[in-house]
Amino acid sequence: MKANSVLGLLFLLGSCQGPEQVDSDKPYTVAMTYVADCPLSVKSSGTWLDLARNLPDDSFDRWLFVGECDRPLSAAMKASFDRVVLNMDSARSLGFTHYPMLQIWKGKPSSGRLLYKGPLDNSAKGTGLTRMKADSFFVQDFLTRLRKGENPTFESHTVYGCFIEP
């Protein structure tokens, strides 16, 4: 019983590390914010899961910053990330402002170069609480350019969704 408590505490402490500890040795790091209380997060889950299936494990570390919520994260979402971070201070320090929001770095978040910051696609209406059919797949297009060996410059798109509270 005591060993389980110690393991649980170690897991919790590991999940709450600051951004300087949320690093990768892989060429790219992708991170997304998510909270089940934000309808747009939930509605974007399928889009993320489709993208995650096509991210090569040897090239991308996948991080999920999860906001506080009473509903548990689905098994599919947990499995699509290498690490789930429960500390939103880390996300805010990296410039995350909304749920859902995605960033891609070349290298490590603490020392790498930010390449992409924004939504998965343009399916969010201005309210951030509904989705329409996407006709611009920002992240998918960005990742396609990376796979082709192009060296994209920083790209940013307006993010709609639920604000991450300070």
Protein backbone atom coordinates (compact mmCIF):
# COMPACT_ATOMS: atom_id res chain seq x y z
CA MET A 1 0.00 0.00 0.00
CA LYS A 2 2.76 2.43 0.95
CA ALA A 3 4.68 1.60 -2.26
CA ASN A 4 1.60 2.44 -4.35
CA SER A 5 1.28 5.79 -2.57
CA VAL A 6 4.93 6.60 -3.28
CA LEU A 7 4.57 5.62 -6.96
CA GLY A 8 1.42 7.75 -7.22
CA LEU A 9 3.21 10.73 -5.72
CA LEU A 10 6.17 10.31 -8.08
CA PHE A 11 3.80 10.16 -11.06
CA LEU A 12 1.98 13.29 -9.92
CA LEU A 13 5.25 15.16 -9.37
CA GLY A 14 6.50 14.09 -12.79
CA SER A 15 3.27 15.33 -14.37
CA CYS A 16 3.64 18.78 -12.83
CA GLN A 17 7.09 19.71 -14.06
CA GLY A 18 7.82 23.15 -15.44
CA PRO A 19 8.48 23.77 -19.15
CA GLU A 20 12.22 23.54 -18.72
CA GLN A 21 11.72 19.89 -17.74
CA VAL A 22 9.18 19.13 -20.46
CA ASP A 23 11.82 18.49 -23.09
CA SER A 24 12.49 16.17 -25.94
CA ASP A 25 15.51 14.65 -27.62
CA LYS A 26 13.53 14.08 -30.80
CA PRO A 27 13.78 16.54 -33.71
CA TYR A 28 10.29 17.99 -33.06
CA THR A 29 7.97 18.49 -30.12
CA VAL A 30 4.25 19.00 -30.54
CA ALA A 31 2.07 20.09 -27.61
CA MET A 32 -1.63 20.73 -27.27
CA THR A 33 -3.88 22.10 -24.54
CA TYR A 34 -7.12 20.34 -23.71
CA VAL A 35 -9.87 20.43 -21.13
CA ALA A 36 -13.04 18.36 -21.34
CA ASP A 37 -15.10 21.28 -19.98
CA CYS A 38 -14.48 23.22 -23.21
CA PRO A 39 -16.81 21.97 -25.96
CA LEU A 40 -14.32 22.89 -28.66
CA SER A 41 -11.62 20.74 -27.04
CA VAL A 42 -13.92 17.74 -27.06
CA LYS A 43 -15.05 18.39 -30.64
CA SER A 44 -11.42 18.71 -31.78
CA SER A 45 -10.39 15.36 -30.29
CA GLY A 46 -11.11 13.39 -33.47
CA THR A 47 -9.06 15.80 -35.58
CA TRP A 48 -6.11 15.46 -33.20
CA LEU A 49 -6.39 11.64 -33.11
CA ASP A 50 -6.26 11.53 -36.92
CA LEU A 51 -3.15 13.72 -36.95
CA ALA A 52 -1.46 11.82 -34.12
CA ARG A 53 -1.70 8.53 -36.02
CA ASN A 54 0.49 10.01 -38.74
CA LEU A 55 3.18 11.58 -36.56
CA PRO A 56 6.32 9.41 -36.71
CA ASP A 57 7.30 8.23 -33.22
CA ASP A 58 11.00 8.72 -33.97
CA SER A 59 10.51 12.38 -34.93
CA PHE A 60 7.85 13.80 -32.61
CA ASP A 61 7.38 13.92 -28.88
CA ARG A 62 3.70 14.57 -28.16
CA TRP A 63 2.73 16.50 -25.02
CA LEU A 64 -0.74 17.28 -23.71
CA PHE A 65 -1.37 20.03 -21.19
CA VAL A 66 -4.65 19.16 -19.48
CA GLY A 67 -6.72 21.75 -17.66
CA GLU A 68 -8.57 20.99 -14.46
CA CYS A 69 -11.81 19.17 -15.12
CA ASP A 70 -14.18 16.76 -13.42
CA ARG A 71 -14.39 14.48 -16.46
CA PRO A 72 -11.54 12.03 -17.11
CA LEU A 73 -9.46 12.10 -20.26
CA SER A 74 -10.42 9.37 -22.73
CA ALA A 75 -8.12 6.38 -23.16
CA ALA A 76 -7.66 7.26 -26.86
CA MET A 77 -6.51 10.79 -26.02
CA LYS A 78 -4.12 9.55 -23.32
CA ALA A 79 -2.64 7.00 -25.71
CA SER A 80 -2.08 9.61 -28.44
CA PHE A 81 0.42 11.54 -26.29
CA ASP A 82 3.82 10.61 -24.91
CA ARG A 83 3.26 12.69 -21.80
CA VAL A 84 0.26 14.26 -20.10
CA VAL A 85 1.14 17.36 -18.06
CA LEU A 86 -1.34 18.51 -15.44
CA ASN A 87 0.34 21.85 -14.72
CA MET A 88 -1.23 24.68 -16.71
CA ASP A 89 1.43 27.09 -15.42
CA SER A 90 3.81 25.26 -17.75
CA ALA A 91 1.44 25.73 -20.67
CA ARG A 92 0.93 29.43 -19.93
CA SER A 93 4.69 29.99 -19.67
CA LEU A 94 5.04 28.55 -23.18
CA GLY A 95 2.45 30.98 -24.56
CA PHE A 96 -0.66 28.81 -24.57
CA THR A 97 -3.80 30.94 -24.16
CA HIS A 98 -6.73 28.70 -25.16
CA TYR A 99 -8.18 25.21 -25.11
CA PRO A 100 -7.59 23.64 -27.63
CA MET A 101 -4.36 25.12 -28.97
CA LEU A 102 -1.36 23.47 -30.56
CA GLN A 103 2.33 24.39 -30.81
CA ILE A 104 5.14 22.71 -32.72
CA TRP A 105 8.82 23.28 -31.91
CA LYS A 106 11.94 22.26 -33.71
CA GLY A 107 13.80 20.69 -30.81
CA LYS A 108 12.96 21.25 -27.19
CA PRO A 109 10.27 23.63 -25.93
CA SER A 110 12.77 25.26 -23.55
CA SER A 111 15.51 25.86 -26.11
CA GLY A 112 14.13 25.03 -29.54
CA ARG A 113 12.51 27.20 -32.17
CA LEU A 114 8.74 27.66 -32.16
CA LEU A 115 7.48 26.77 -35.64
CA TYR A 116 3.70 26.74 -35.28
CA LYS A 117 1.19 28.26 -32.88
CA GLY A 118 -2.55 28.04 -33.35
CA PRO A 119 -5.55 25.80 -33.87
CA LEU A 120 -5.63 22.41 -35.58
CA ASP A 121 -7.73 23.79 -38.43
CA ASN A 122 -10.20 26.58 -39.23
CA SER A 123 -13.29 24.71 -38.09
CA ALA A 124 -13.97 26.93 -35.06
CA LYS A 125 -16.40 29.78 -35.36
CA GLY A 126 -15.61 33.04 -33.62
CA THR A 127 -17.44 31.95 -30.48
CA GLY A 128 -15.07 29.01 -30.10
CA LEU A 129 -17.90 26.80 -28.93
CA THR A 130 -19.05 25.31 -32.22
CA ARG A 131 -17.37 23.59 -35.14
CA MET A 132 -18.14 23.79 -38.80
CA LYS A 133 -16.61 21.83 -41.63
CA ALA A 134 -12.93 22.72 -41.91
CA ASP A 135 -11.57 23.88 -45.25
CA SER A 136 -8.08 24.82 -44.06
CA PHE A 137 -6.12 22.17 -42.21
CA PHE A 138 -3.36 24.35 -40.73
CA VAL A 139 -1.44 21.70 -38.75
CA GLN A 140 -1.87 18.95 -41.33
CA ASP A 141 -0.58 21.25 -44.09
CA PHE A 142 2.31 22.40 -41.89
CA LEU A 143 3.32 18.81 -41.09
CA THR A 144 3.12 17.89 -44.79
CA ARG A 145 5.62 20.66 -45.58
CA LEU A 146 7.93 19.35 -42.84
CA ARG A 147 7.75 15.80 -44.23
CA LYS A 148 8.65 17.08 -47.69
CA GLY A 149 11.85 18.50 -46.24
CA GLU A 150 10.76 22.11 -46.48
CA ASN A 151 11.98 24.36 -43.72
CA PRO A 152 8.84 26.32 -42.81
CA THR A 153 9.14 29.65 -41.10
CA PHE A 154 7.07 30.49 -38.01
CA GLU A 155 3.35 30.21 -38.66
CA SER A 156 0.56 31.47 -36.42
CA HIS A 157 -3.23 31.48 -36.70
CA THR A 158 -5.93 33.01 -34.52
CA VAL A 159 -7.12 30.59 -31.88
CA TYR A 160 -10.76 30.34 -30.82
CA GLY A 161 -11.91 28.34 -27.86
CA CYS A 162 -11.98 28.55 -24.10
CA PHE A 163 -9.47 30.84 -22.41
CA ILE A 164 -6.90 29.33 -20.08
CA GLU A 165 -7.49 31.17 -16.82
CA PRO A 166 -4.45 32.85 -15.22
